[in-house]
PDB file of N, CA and C in Angstrom:
ATOM      1  N   GLN A   1      38.085  59.759  99.357  1.00  0.00           N
ATOM      2  CA  GLN A   1      38.373  61.026  98.822  1.00  0.00           C
ATOM      3  C   GLN A   1      38.664  60.879  97.245  1.00  0.00           C
ATOM      4  N   VAL A   2      37.846  61.557  96.478  1.00  0.00           N
ATOM      5  CA  VAL A   2      38.066  61.633  95.019  1.00  0.00           C
ATOM      6  C   VAL A   2      38.438  63.111  94.469  1.00  0.00           C
ATOM      7  N   GLN A   3      39.170  63.039  93.589  1.00  0.00           N
ATOM      8  CA  GLN A   3      39.659  64.487  93.042  1.00  0.00           C
ATOM      9  C   GLN A   3      39.679  64.317  91.592  1.00  0.00           C
ATOM     10  N   LEU A   4      39.097  65.424  90.906  1.00  0.00           N
ATOM     11  CA  LEU A   4      39.259  65.706  89.584  1.00  0.00           C
ATOM     12  C   LEU A   4      39.961  66.925  89.083  1.00  0.00           C
ATOM     13  N   VAL A   5      40.934  66.693  88.303  1.00  0.00           N
ATOM     14  CA  VAL A   5      41.784  67.855  87.969  1.00  0.00           C
ATOM     15  C   VAL A   5      41.781  68.086  86.421  1.00  0.00           C
ATOM     16  N   GLU A   6      41.449  69.338  86.010  1.00  0.00           N
ATOM     17  CA  GLU A   6      41.308  69.733  84.656  1.00  0.00           C
ATOM     18  C   GLU A   6      42.604  70.261  84.258  1.00  0.00           C
ATOM     19  N   SER A   7      42.964  70.167  83.020  1.00  0.00           N
ATOM     20  CA  SER A   7      44.197  70.944  82.394  1.00  0.00           C
ATOM     21  C   SER A   7      43.837  71.127  80.905  1.00  0.00           C
ATOM     22  N   GLY A   8      44.682  72.203  80.389  1.00  0.00           N
ATOM     23  CA  GLY A   8      44.548  72.407  78.898  1.00  0.00           C
ATOM     24  C   GLY A   8      43.721  73.617  78.470  1.00  0.00           C
ATOM     25  N   GLY A   9      43.275  74.344  79.429  1.00  0.00           N
ATOM     26  CA  GLY A   9      42.647  75.637  79.020  1.00  0.00           C
ATOM     27  C   GLY A   9      43.663  76.695  78.569  1.00  0.00           C
ATOM     28  N   GLY A  10      43.108  77.755  78.173  1.00  0.00           N
ATOM     29  CA  GLY A  10      44.032  78.890  77.892  1.00  0.00           C
ATOM     30  C   GLY A  10      43.365  79.887  76.815  1.00  0.00           C
ATOM     31  N   LEU A  11      44.285  80.647  76.246  1.00  0.00           N
ATOM     32  CA  LEU A  11      43.820  81.706  75.166  1.00  0.00           C
ATOM     33  C   LEU A  11      44.078  81.269  73.859  1.00  0.00           C
ATOM     34  N   VAL A  12      43.124  81.286  72.995  1.00  0.00           N
ATOM     35  CA  VAL A  12      43.382  80.910  71.721  1.00  0.00           C
ATOM     36  C   VAL A  12      42.559  81.867  70.752  1.00  0.00           C
ATOM     37  N   GLN A  13      42.979  82.075  69.432  1.00  0.00           N
ATOM     38  CA  GLN A  13      42.306  82.932  68.464  1.00  0.00           C
ATOM     39  C   GLN A  13      41.001  82.097  67.955  1.00  0.00           C
ATOM     40  N   ALA A  14      40.012  82.859  67.411  1.00  0.00           N
ATOM     41  CA  ALA A  14      39.041  82.165  66.819  1.00  0.00           C
ATOM     42  C   ALA A  14      39.439  81.258  65.668  1.00  0.00           C
ATOM     43  N   GLY A  15      38.787  80.019  65.542  1.00  0.00           N
ATOM     44  CA  GLY A  15      39.251  79.130  64.710  1.00  0.00           C
ATOM     45  C   GLY A  15      40.349  78.113  64.973  1.00  0.00           C
ATOM     46  N   GLY A  16      40.902  78.434  66.095  1.00  0.00           N
ATOM     47  CA  GLY A  16      41.916  77.597  66.798  1.00  0.00           C
ATOM     48  C   GLY A  16      41.434  76.252  67.546  1.00  0.00           C
ATOM     49  N   SER A  17      42.281  75.637  68.077  1.00  0.00           N
ATOM     50  CA  SER A  17      41.995  74.342  68.787  1.00  0.00           C
ATOM     51  C   SER A  17      42.625  74.504  70.212  1.00  0.00           C
ATOM     52  N   LEU A  18      41.978  73.793  71.126  1.00  0.00           N
ATOM     53  CA  LEU A  18      42.483  73.384  72.404  1.00  0.00           C
ATOM     54  C   LEU A  18      41.992  71.930  72.737  1.00  0.00           C
ATOM     55  N   ARG A  19      42.827  71.358  73.681  1.00  0.00           N
ATOM     56  CA  ARG A  19      42.428  70.078  74.141  1.00  0.00           C
ATOM     57  C   ARG A  19      42.428  70.000  75.713  1.00  0.00           C
ATOM     58  N   LEU A  20      41.337  69.715  76.167  1.00  0.00           N
ATOM     59  CA  LEU A  20      41.213  69.778  77.644  1.00  0.00           C
ATOM     60  C   LEU A  20      41.284  68.199  78.157  1.00  0.00           C
ATOM     61  N   SER A  21      41.913  68.028  79.316  1.00  0.00           N
ATOM     62  CA  SER A  21      42.048  66.737  79.879  1.00  0.00           C
ATOM     63  C   SER A  21      41.590  67.042  81.336  1.00  0.00           C
ATOM     64  N   CYS A  22      40.979  65.849  81.784  1.00  0.00           N
ATOM     65  CA  CYS A  22      40.553  65.791  83.258  1.00  0.00           C
ATOM     66  C   CYS A  22      40.855  64.368  83.673  1.00  0.00           C
ATOM     67  N   ALA A  23      41.702  64.341  84.887  1.00  0.00           N
ATOM     68  CA  ALA A  23      42.111  62.988  85.448  1.00  0.00           C
ATOM     69  C   ALA A  23      41.394  62.961  86.816  1.00  0.00           C
ATOM     70  N   ALA A  24      40.925  61.707  87.031  1.00  0.00           N
ATOM     71  CA  ALA A  24      40.318  61.486  88.366  1.00  0.00           C
ATOM     72  C   ALA A  24      41.141  60.706  89.177  1.00  0.00           C
ATOM     73  N   SER A  25      41.221  60.896  90.361  1.00  0.00           N
ATOM     74  CA  SER A  25      42.135  60.049  91.209  1.00  0.00           C
ATOM     75  C   SER A  25      41.401  59.977  92.689  1.00  0.00           C
ATOM     76  N   GLY A  26      42.117  59.022  93.401  1.00  0.00           N
ATOM     77  CA  GLY A  26      41.501  58.763  94.737  1.00  0.00           C
ATOM     78  C   GLY A  26      40.963  57.358  94.831  1.00  0.00           C
ATOM     79  N   SER A  27      39.881  57.305  95.707  1.00  0.00           N
ATOM     80  CA  SER A  27      39.480  55.916  96.210  1.00  0.00           C
ATOM     81  C   SER A  27      38.151  55.613  95.030  1.00  0.00           C
ATOM     82  N   ILE A  28      38.723  55.210  93.826  1.00  0.00           N
ATOM     83  CA  ILE A  28      37.810  54.986  92.866  1.00  0.00           C
ATOM     84  C   ILE A  28      37.700  53.432  92.485  1.00  0.00           C
ATOM     85  N   PHE A  29      36.420  53.020  92.510  1.00  0.00           N
ATOM     86  CA  PHE A  29      36.174  51.487  92.031  1.00  0.00           C
ATOM     87  C   PHE A  29      35.884  51.573  90.610  1.00  0.00           C
ATOM     88  N   SER A  30      34.977  52.414  90.119  1.00  0.00           N
ATOM     89  CA  SER A  30      34.627  52.622  88.817  1.00  0.00           C
ATOM     90  C   SER A  30      34.046  53.833  88.435  1.00  0.00           C
ATOM     91  N   ILE A  31      34.066  54.465  87.265  1.00  0.00           N
ATOM     92  CA  ILE A  31      33.498  55.604  86.803  1.00  0.00           C
ATOM     93  C   ILE A  31      32.537  55.318  85.693  1.00  0.00           C
ATOM     94  N   ASN A  32      31.327  55.738  85.834  1.00  0.00           N
ATOM     95  CA  ASN A  32      30.325  55.591  84.833  1.00  0.00           C
ATOM     96  C   ASN A  32      30.336  56.771  83.880  1.00  0.00           C
ATOM     97  N   ALA A  33      29.471  57.626  83.768  1.00  0.00           N
ATOM     98  CA  ALA A  33      29.408  58.811  82.679  1.00  0.00           C
ATOM     99  C   ALA A  33      30.556  59.739  83.161  1.00  0.00           C
ATOM    100  N   MET A  34      31.204  60.454  82.133  1.00  0.00           N
ATOM    101  CA  MET A  34      32.056  61.415  82.381  1.00  0.00           C
ATOM    102  C   MET A  34      31.723  62.506  81.351  1.00  0.00           C
ATOM    103  N   GLY A  35      31.780  63.896  81.938  1.00  0.00           N
ATOM    104  CA  GLY A  35      31.263  64.951  80.938  1.00  0.00           C
ATOM    105  C   GLY A  35      32.063  66.153  81.244  1.00  0.00           C
ATOM    106  N   TRP A  36      31.764  67.070  80.276  1.00  0.00           N
ATOM    107  CA  TRP A  36      32.282  68.441  80.371  1.00  0.00           C
ATOM    108  C   TRP A  36      30.996  69.429  80.385  1.00  0.00           C
ATOM    109  N   TYR A  37      31.205  70.508  81.160  1.00  0.00           N
ATOM    110  CA  TYR A  37      30.230  71.576  81.181  1.00  0.00           C
ATOM    111  C   TYR A  37      31.038  72.708  81.083  1.00  0.00           C
ATOM    112  N   HIS A  38      30.152  73.918  80.542  1.00  0.00           N
ATOM    113  CA  HIS A  38      30.824  75.308  80.631  1.00  0.00           C
ATOM    114  C   HIS A  38      29.850  76.175  81.302  1.00  0.00           C
ATOM    115  N   GLN A  39      30.650  77.219  81.724  1.00  0.00           N
ATOM    116  CA  GLN A  39      29.831  78.373  82.346  1.00  0.00           C
ATOM    117  C   GLN A  39      30.466  79.564  81.829  1.00  0.00           C
ATOM    118  N   GLY A  40      29.616  80.336  81.076  1.00  0.00           N
ATOM    119  CA  GLY A  40      30.195  81.661  80.586  1.00  0.00           C
ATOM    120  C   GLY A  40      29.859  82.769  81.646  1.00  0.00           C
ATOM    121  N   PRO A  41      30.309  84.019  81.265  1.00  0.00           N
ATOM    122  CA  PRO A  41      30.129  85.001  82.220  1.00  0.00           C
ATOM    123  C   PRO A  41      28.539  85.400  82.276  1.00  0.00           C
ATOM    124  N   GLY A  42      28.042  85.219  83.450  1.00  0.00           N
ATOM    125  CA  GLY A  42      26.646  85.718  83.908  1.00  0.00           C
ATOM    126  C   GLY A  42      25.705  84.606  83.287  1.00  0.00           C
ATOM    127  N   ALA A  43      26.144  83.416  83.100  1.00  0.00           N
ATOM    128  CA  ALA A  43      25.411  82.366  82.639  1.00  0.00           C
ATOM    129  C   ALA A  43      25.406  81.285  83.440  1.00  0.00           C
ATOM    130  N   GLN A  44      24.422  80.370  83.202  1.00  0.00           N
ATOM    131  CA  GLN A  44      24.389  79.061  84.116  1.00  0.00           C
ATOM    132  C   GLN A  44      25.311  78.071  83.407  1.00  0.00           C
ATOM    133  N   ARG A  45      25.690  76.999  84.327  1.00  0.00           N
ATOM    134  CA  ARG A  45      26.519  76.058  83.878  1.00  0.00           C
ATOM    135  C   ARG A  45      25.626  75.035  82.883  1.00  0.00           C
ATOM    136  N   GLU A  46      26.322  74.734  81.750  1.00  0.00           N
ATOM    137  CA  GLU A  46      25.491  74.035  80.729  1.00  0.00           C
ATOM    138  C   GLU A  46      26.396  72.838  80.258  1.00  0.00           C
ATOM    139  N   LEU A  47      25.672  71.767  79.771  1.00  0.00           N
ATOM    140  CA  LEU A  47      26.477  70.416  79.422  1.00  0.00           C
ATOM    141  C   LEU A  47      26.842  70.863  77.950  1.00  0.00           C
ATOM    142  N   VAL A  48      28.192  70.412  77.785  1.00  0.00           N
ATOM    143  CA  VAL A  48      28.933  70.535  76.551  1.00  0.00           C
ATOM    144  C   VAL A  48      28.882  69.254  75.989  1.00  0.00           C
ATOM    145  N   ALA A  49      29.384  68.182  76.644  1.00  0.00           N
ATOM    146  CA  ALA A  49      29.484  66.770  76.031  1.00  0.00           C
ATOM    147  C   ALA A  49      29.457  65.834  77.283  1.00  0.00           C
ATOM    148  N   VAL A  50      29.069  64.607  76.851  1.00  0.00           N
ATOM    149  CA  VAL A  50      29.173  63.504  77.891  1.00  0.00           C
ATOM    150  C   VAL A  50      29.476  62.153  77.174  1.00  0.00           C
ATOM    151  N   ILE A  51      30.236  61.331  77.842  1.00  0.00           N
ATOM    152  CA  ILE A  51      30.493  59.976  77.267  1.00  0.00           C
ATOM    153  C   ILE A  51      30.242  59.109  78.322  1.00  0.00           C
ATOM    154  N   THR A  52      29.560  57.756  78.096  1.00  0.00           N
ATOM    155  CA  THR A  52      29.440  56.838  78.965  1.00  0.00           C
ATOM    156  C   THR A  52      30.730  55.939  79.157  1.00  0.00           C
ATOM    157  N   ARG A  53      30.798  54.970  79.919  1.00  0.00           N
ATOM    158  CA  ARG A  53      31.855  53.964  80.123  1.00  0.00           C
ATOM    159  C   ARG A  53      31.988  53.255  78.823  1.00  0.00           C
ATOM    160  N   GLY A  54      30.967  53.046  78.179  1.00  0.00           N
ATOM    161  CA  GLY A  54      31.154  52.211  76.924  1.00  0.00           C
ATOM    162  C   GLY A  54      31.339  53.086  75.739  1.00  0.00           C
ATOM    163  N   SER A  55      31.562  54.498  75.915  1.00  0.00           N
ATOM    164  CA  SER A  55      31.885  55.368  74.859  1.00  0.00           C
ATOM    165  C   SER A  55      30.875  55.851  73.932  1.00  0.00           C
ATOM    166  N   SER A  56      29.578  55.786  74.499  1.00  0.00           N
ATOM    167  CA  SER A  56      28.515  56.517  73.858  1.00  0.00           C
ATOM    168  C   SER A  56      28.594  57.958  74.145  1.00  0.00           C
ATOM    169  N   THR A  57      28.446  58.771  73.182  1.00  0.00           N
ATOM    170  CA  THR A  57      28.524  60.237  73.397  1.00  0.00           C
ATOM    171  C   THR A  57      27.221  61.016  73.103  1.00  0.00           C
ATOM    172  N   ASN A  58      27.290  62.156  73.634  1.00  0.00           N
ATOM    173  CA  ASN A  58      26.120  63.148  73.385  1.00  0.00           C
ATOM    174  C   ASN A  58      26.701  64.500  73.537  1.00  0.00           C
ATOM    175  N   TYR A  59      26.226  65.396  72.583  1.00  0.00           N
ATOM    176  CA  TYR A  59      26.888  66.859  72.613  1.00  0.00           C
ATOM    177  C   TYR A  59      25.856  67.790  72.675  1.00  0.00           C
ATOM    178  N   ALA A  60      26.078  69.061  72.995  1.00  0.00           N
ATOM    179  CA  ALA A  60      25.186  70.162  72.877  1.00  0.00           C
ATOM    180  C   ALA A  60      25.230  70.479  71.458  1.00  0.00           C
ATOM    181  N   ASP A  61      24.074  70.989  70.908  1.00  0.00           N
ATOM    182  CA  ASP A  61      24.075  71.311  69.592  1.00  0.00           C
ATOM    183  C   ASP A  61      24.861  72.330  69.128  1.00  0.00           C
ATOM    184  N   SER A  62      25.339  73.210  70.033  1.00  0.00           N
ATOM    185  CA  SER A  62      26.235  74.384  69.649  1.00  0.00           C
ATOM    186  C   SER A  62      27.660  73.823  69.427  1.00  0.00           C
ATOM    187  N   VAL A  63      28.027  72.733  69.879  1.00  0.00           N
ATOM    188  CA  VAL A  63      29.448  72.218  69.646  1.00  0.00           C
ATOM    189  C   VAL A  63      29.474  70.998  68.643  1.00  0.00           C
ATOM    190  N   LYS A  64      28.185  70.530  68.190  1.00  0.00           N
ATOM    191  CA  LYS A  64      28.360  69.310  67.400  1.00  0.00           C
ATOM    192  C   LYS A  64      29.110  69.624  66.167  1.00  0.00           C
ATOM    193  N   GLY A  65      29.983  68.615  65.760  1.00  0.00           N
ATOM    194  CA  GLY A  65      30.912  68.785  64.606  1.00  0.00           C
ATOM    195  C   GLY A  65      32.228  69.678  64.862  1.00  0.00           C
ATOM    196  N   ARG A  66      32.352  70.279  66.103  1.00  0.00           N
ATOM    197  CA  ARG A  66      33.477  70.950  66.325  1.00  0.00           C
ATOM    198  C   ARG A  66      34.277  70.212  67.517  1.00  0.00           C
ATOM    199  N   PHE A  67      33.567  69.780  68.523  1.00  0.00           N
ATOM    200  CA  PHE A  67      34.156  69.317  69.721  1.00  0.00           C
ATOM    201  C   PHE A  67      34.026  67.654  69.831  1.00  0.00           C
ATOM    202  N   THR A  68      34.995  67.144  70.293  1.00  0.00           N
ATOM    203  CA  THR A  68      34.999  65.670  70.365  1.00  0.00           C
ATOM    204  C   THR A  68      35.365  65.221  71.814  1.00  0.00           C
ATOM    205  N   ILE A  69      34.549  64.433  72.416  1.00  0.00           N
ATOM    206  CA  ILE A  69      34.821  63.835  73.855  1.00  0.00           C
ATOM    207  C   ILE A  69      35.339  62.370  73.658  1.00  0.00           C
ATOM    208  N   SER A  70      36.268  62.215  74.483  1.00  0.00           N
ATOM    209  CA  SER A  70      36.784  60.754  74.545  1.00  0.00           C
ATOM    210  C   SER A  70      37.343  60.471  75.828  1.00  0.00           C
ATOM    211  N   ARG A  71      37.592  59.252  76.182  1.00  0.00           N
ATOM    212  CA  ARG A  71      37.957  58.881  77.602  1.00  0.00           C
ATOM    213  C   ARG A  71      38.813  57.650  77.533  1.00  0.00           C
ATOM    214  N   ASP A  72      39.773  57.534  78.650  1.00  0.00           N
ATOM    215  CA  ASP A  72      40.669  56.443  78.743  1.00  0.00           C
ATOM    216  C   ASP A  72      40.324  55.778  80.043  1.00  0.00           C
ATOM    217  N   ASN A  73      39.725  54.728  80.042  1.00  0.00           N
ATOM    218  CA  ASN A  73      39.139  54.109  81.251  1.00  0.00           C
ATOM    219  C   ASN A  73      40.313  53.609  82.130  1.00  0.00           C
ATOM    220  N   ALA A  74      41.466  53.244  81.643  1.00  0.00           N
ATOM    221  CA  ALA A  74      42.544  52.730  82.280  1.00  0.00           C
ATOM    222  C   ALA A  74      43.229  53.849  83.142  1.00  0.00           C
ATOM    223  N   LYS A  75      43.262  55.058  82.543  1.00  0.00           N
ATOM    224  CA  LYS A  75      43.623  56.317  83.262  1.00  0.00           C
ATOM    225  C   LYS A  75      42.736  57.198  83.988  1.00  0.00           C
ATOM    226  N   ASN A  76      41.434  56.705  84.062  1.00  0.00           N
ATOM    227  CA  ASN A  76      40.358  57.379  84.556  1.00  0.00           C
ATOM    228  C   ASN A  76      40.481  58.920  84.149  1.00  0.00           C
ATOM    229  N   THR A  77      40.532  59.138  82.788  1.00  0.00           N
ATOM    230  CA  THR A  77      40.769  60.356  82.239  1.00  0.00           C
ATOM    231  C   THR A  77      39.800  60.577  81.147  1.00  0.00           C
ATOM    232  N   VAL A  78      39.215  61.863  81.196  1.00  0.00           N
ATOM    233  CA  VAL A  78      38.369  62.227  80.016  1.00  0.00           C
ATOM    234  C   VAL A  78      38.990  63.420  79.156  1.00  0.00           C
ATOM    235  N   TYR A  79      38.688  63.584  77.945  1.00  0.00           N
ATOM    236  CA  TYR A  79      39.315  64.594  77.129  1.00  0.00           C
ATOM    237  C   TYR A  79      38.297  65.243  76.274  1.00  0.00           C
ATOM    238  N   LEU A  80      38.641  66.545  75.950  1.00  0.00           N
ATOM    239  CA  LEU A  80      37.632  67.252  75.140  1.00  0.00           C
ATOM    240  C   LEU A  80      38.550  68.029  74.097  1.00  0.00           C
ATOM    241  N   GLN A  81      38.494  67.551  72.907  1.00  0.00           N
ATOM    242  CA  GLN A  81      39.161  68.106  71.700  1.00  0.00           C
ATOM    243  C   GLN A  81      38.291  69.070  71.246  1.00  0.00           C
ATOM    244  N   MET A  82      38.631  70.391  71.256  1.00  0.00           N
ATOM    245  CA  MET A  82      37.825  71.604  70.779  1.00  0.00           C
ATOM    246  C   MET A  82      38.533  72.101  69.556  1.00  0.00           C
ATOM    247  N   ASP A  83      37.715  72.179  68.391  1.00  0.00           N
ATOM    248  CA  ASP A  83      38.198  72.541  67.117  1.00  0.00           C
ATOM    249  C   ASP A  83      37.419  73.697  66.498  1.00  0.00           C
ATOM    250  N   ASN A  84      37.927  74.555  65.803  1.00  0.00           N
ATOM    251  CA  ASN A  84      37.186  75.684  65.267  1.00  0.00           C
ATOM    252  C   ASN A  84      36.506  76.559  66.304  1.00  0.00           C
ATOM    253  N   LEU A  85      37.214  76.923  67.285  1.00  0.00           N
ATOM    254  CA  LEU A  85      36.771  77.577  68.445  1.00  0.00           C
ATOM    255  C   LEU A  85      36.264  78.980  67.973  1.00  0.00           C
ATOM    256  N   LYS A  86      35.088  79.280  68.741  1.00  0.00           N
ATOM    257  CA  LYS A  86      34.403  80.599  68.492  1.00  0.00           C
ATOM    258  C   LYS A  86      34.389  81.345  69.720  1.00  0.00           C
ATOM    259  N   PRO A  87      34.297  82.819  69.658  1.00  0.00           N
ATOM    260  CA  PRO A  87      34.400  83.697  70.740  1.00  0.00           C
ATOM    261  C   PRO A  87      33.303  83.178  71.741  1.00  0.00           C
ATOM    262  N   GLU A  88      32.122  82.696  71.325  1.00  0.00           N
ATOM    263  CA  GLU A  88      31.132  82.360  72.234  1.00  0.00           C
ATOM    264  C   GLU A  88      31.385  81.081  72.942  1.00  0.00           C
ATOM    265  N   ASP A  89      32.482  80.389  72.518  1.00  0.00           N
ATOM    266  CA  ASP A  89      32.844  79.298  73.471  1.00  0.00           C
ATOM    267  C   ASP A  89      33.579  79.627  74.761  1.00  0.00           C
ATOM    268  N   THR A  90      33.934  81.013  74.889  1.00  0.00           N
ATOM    269  CA  THR A  90      34.758  81.475  76.030  1.00  0.00           C
ATOM    270  C   THR A  90      33.812  81.204  77.280  1.00  0.00           C
ATOM    271  N   ALA A  91      34.561  80.442  78.213  1.00  0.00           N
ATOM    272  CA  ALA A  91      33.865  79.937  79.407  1.00  0.00           C
ATOM    273  C   ALA A  91      34.768  79.365  80.355  1.00  0.00           C
ATOM    274  N   VAL A  92      34.545  79.075  81.527  1.00  0.00           N
ATOM    275  CA  VAL A  92      35.136  78.076  82.436  1.00  0.00           C
ATOM    276  C   VAL A  92      34.529  76.594  82.151  1.00  0.00           C
ATOM    277  N   TYR A  93      35.406  75.723  81.940  1.00  0.00           N
ATOM    278  CA  TYR A  93      35.075  74.470  81.618  1.00  0.00           C
ATOM    279  C   TYR A  93      35.228  73.431  82.774  1.00  0.00           C
ATOM    280  N   TYR A  94      34.261  72.880  83.143  1.00  0.00           N
ATOM    281  CA  TYR A  94      34.346  71.758  84.439  1.00  0.00           C
ATOM    282  C   TYR A  94      34.146  70.440  83.917  1.00  0.00           C
ATOM    283  N   CYS A  95      34.860  69.659  84.439  1.00  0.00           N
ATOM    284  CA  CYS A  95      34.788  68.232  84.318  1.00  0.00           C
ATOM    285  C   CYS A  95      33.916  67.574  85.288  1.00  0.00           C
ATOM    286  N   ASN A  96      33.089  66.633  84.971  1.00  0.00           N
ATOM    287  CA  ASN A  96      32.181  65.935  85.886  1.00  0.00           C
ATOM    288  C   ASN A  96      32.246  64.378  85.698  1.00  0.00           C
ATOM    289  N   ALA A  97      32.243  63.600  86.824  1.00  0.00           N
ATOM    290  CA  ALA A  97      32.409  62.247  86.756  1.00  0.00           C
ATOM    291  C   ALA A  97      31.383  61.584  87.694  1.00  0.00           C
ATOM    292  N   GLN A  98      30.654  60.492  87.280  1.00  0.00           N
ATOM    293  CA  GLN A  98      29.862  59.717  88.156  1.00  0.00           C
ATOM    294  C   GLN A  98      30.637  58.657  88.681  1.00  0.00           C
ATOM    295  N   ILE A  99      31.196  58.650  89.813  1.00  0.00           N
ATOM    296  CA  ILE A  99      32.016  57.656  90.425  1.00  0.00           C
ATOM    297  C   ILE A  99      31.479  56.736  91.365  1.00  0.00           C
ATOM    298  N   ILE A 100      31.840  55.599  91.299  1.00  0.00           N
ATOM    299  CA  ILE A 100      31.587  54.593  92.299  1.00  0.00           C
ATOM    300  C   ILE A 100      32.970  54.338  93.238  1.00  0.00           C
ATOM    301  N   THR A 101      32.816  54.621  94.357  1.00  0.00           N
ATOM    302  CA  THR A 101      34.101  54.603  95.261  1.00  0.00           C
ATOM    303  C   THR A 101      34.313  53.194  95.717  1.00  0.00           C
ATOM    304  N   ARG A 102      35.552  52.907  96.188  1.00  0.00           N
ATOM    305  CA  ARG A 102      35.822  51.517  96.640  1.00  0.00           C
ATOM    306  C   ARG A 102      34.937  51.150  97.926  1.00  0.00           C
ATOM    307  N   GLY A 103      34.488  52.200  98.683  1.00  0.00           N
ATOM    308  CA  GLY A 103      33.652  51.895  99.712  1.00  0.00           C
ATOM    309  C   GLY A 103      32.121  51.536  99.233  1.00  0.00           C
ATOM    310  N   GLY A 104      31.864  51.688  97.796  1.00  0.00           N
ATOM    311  CA  GLY A 104      30.689  51.404  97.413  1.00  0.00           C
ATOM    312  C   GLY A 104      29.722  52.538  97.356  1.00  0.00           C
ATOM    313  N   TYR A 105      30.089  53.811  97.402  1.00  0.00           N
ATOM    314  CA  TYR A 105      29.333  54.994  97.384  1.00  0.00           C
ATOM    315  C   TYR A 105      29.285  55.529  96.105  1.00  0.00           C
ATOM    316  N   GLY A 106      28.092  56.220  95.660  1.00  0.00           N
ATOM    317  CA  GLY A 106      28.103  56.919  94.445  1.00  0.00           C
ATOM    318  C   GLY A 106      28.392  58.294  94.667  1.00  0.00           C
ATOM    319  N   MET A 107      29.145  58.971  93.817  1.00  0.00           N
ATOM    320  CA  MET A 107      29.607  60.377  93.855  1.00  0.00           C
ATOM    321  C   MET A 107      29.433  61.036  92.648  1.00  0.00           C
ATOM    322  N   ASP A 108      28.721  62.351  92.791  1.00  0.00           N
ATOM    323  CA  ASP A 108      28.806  63.235  91.546  1.00  0.00           C
ATOM    324  C   ASP A 108      30.015  64.159  91.685  1.00  0.00           C
ATOM    325  N   SER A 109      31.061  63.940  91.095  1.00  0.00           N
ATOM    326  CA  SER A 109      32.285  64.775  91.239  1.00  0.00           C
ATOM    327  C   SER A 109      32.568  65.749  90.290  1.00  0.00           C
ATOM    328  N   TRP A 110      32.958  66.900  90.748  1.00  0.00           N
ATOM    329  CA  TRP A 110      33.254  68.092  89.868  1.00  0.00           C
ATOM    330  C   TRP A 110      34.830  68.517  90.084  1.00  0.00           C
ATOM    331  N   GLY A 111      35.348  68.874  88.913  1.00  0.00           N
ATOM    332  CA  GLY A 111      36.688  69.712  88.928  1.00  0.00           C
ATOM    333  C   GLY A 111      36.396  71.031  89.415  1.00  0.00           C
ATOM    334  N   LYS A 112      37.619  71.729  89.495  1.00  0.00           N
ATOM    335  CA  LYS A 112      37.550  73.243  89.907  1.00  0.00           C
ATOM    336  C   LYS A 112      37.272  74.128  88.777  1.00  0.00           C
ATOM    337  N   GLY A 113      37.547  73.527  87.510  1.00  0.00           N
ATOM    338  CA  GLY A 113      37.367  74.300  86.196  1.00  0.00           C
ATOM    339  C   GLY A 113      38.584  74.829  85.643  1.00  0.00           C
ATOM    340  N   THR A 114      38.610  74.898  84.344  1.00  0.00           N
ATOM    341  CA  THR A 114      39.819  75.522  83.588  1.00  0.00           C
ATOM    342  C   THR A 114      39.127  76.578  82.571  1.00  0.00           C
ATOM    343  N   LEU A 115      39.825  77.711  82.549  1.00  0.00           N
ATOM    344  CA  LEU A 115      39.231  78.746  81.671  1.00  0.00           C
ATOM    345  C   LEU A 115      39.701  78.669  80.108  1.00  0.00           C
ATOM    346  N   VAL A 116      38.746  78.787  79.337  1.00  0.00           N
ATOM    347  CA  VAL A 116      39.063  78.792  77.976  1.00  0.00           C
ATOM    348  C   VAL A 116      38.663  80.212  77.408  1.00  0.00           C
ATOM    349  N   THR A 117      39.467  81.018  76.782  1.00  0.00           N
ATOM    350  CA  THR A 117      39.208  82.229  76.260  1.00  0.00           C
ATOM    351  C   THR A 117      39.449  82.211  74.777  1.00  0.00           C
ATOM    352  N   VAL A 118      38.365  82.508  73.972  1.00  0.00           N
ATOM    353  CA  VAL A 118      38.569  82.673  72.551  1.00  0.00           C
ATOM    354  C   VAL A 118      38.500  84.070  72.034  1.00  0.00           C
ATOM    355  N   SER A 119      39.539  84.540  71.358  1.00  0.00           N
ATOM    356  CA  SER A 119      39.619  85.920  71.098  1.00  0.00           C
ATOM    357  C   SER A 119      38.989  86.112  69.603  1.00  0.00           C
ATOM    358  N   SER A 120      38.593  87.173  69.091  1.00  0.00           N
ATOM    359  CA  SER A 120      37.968  87.257  67.791  1.00  0.00           C
ATOM    360  C   SER A 120      39.062  87.839  66.994  1.00  0.00           C
TER     361      SER A 120
END
């Protein structure tokens, strides 16, 4: 059993900042890529940022220069620092992790999401 729990969402004014966290727990042997996705009202879920175990990163064009993804492998945690937020960043943000369990199984795991609302 593996669980991802996000935190850090909330309401912020345009130009403000938020920091999201996502902690993985359970029967984990290792975690490969970890990432953040968002899903706005009436939209599909889209990749925001991804980070490999070796800390290589990739970002959606819409957040480059404003968002920073990082991870702490010892804590099985991934972070998303969001600066200069815009109203169009309003969405539910989901954490994703590619997990190898202690039983040797590969799992594509998702959190339940945290809502980020940016007011203009």
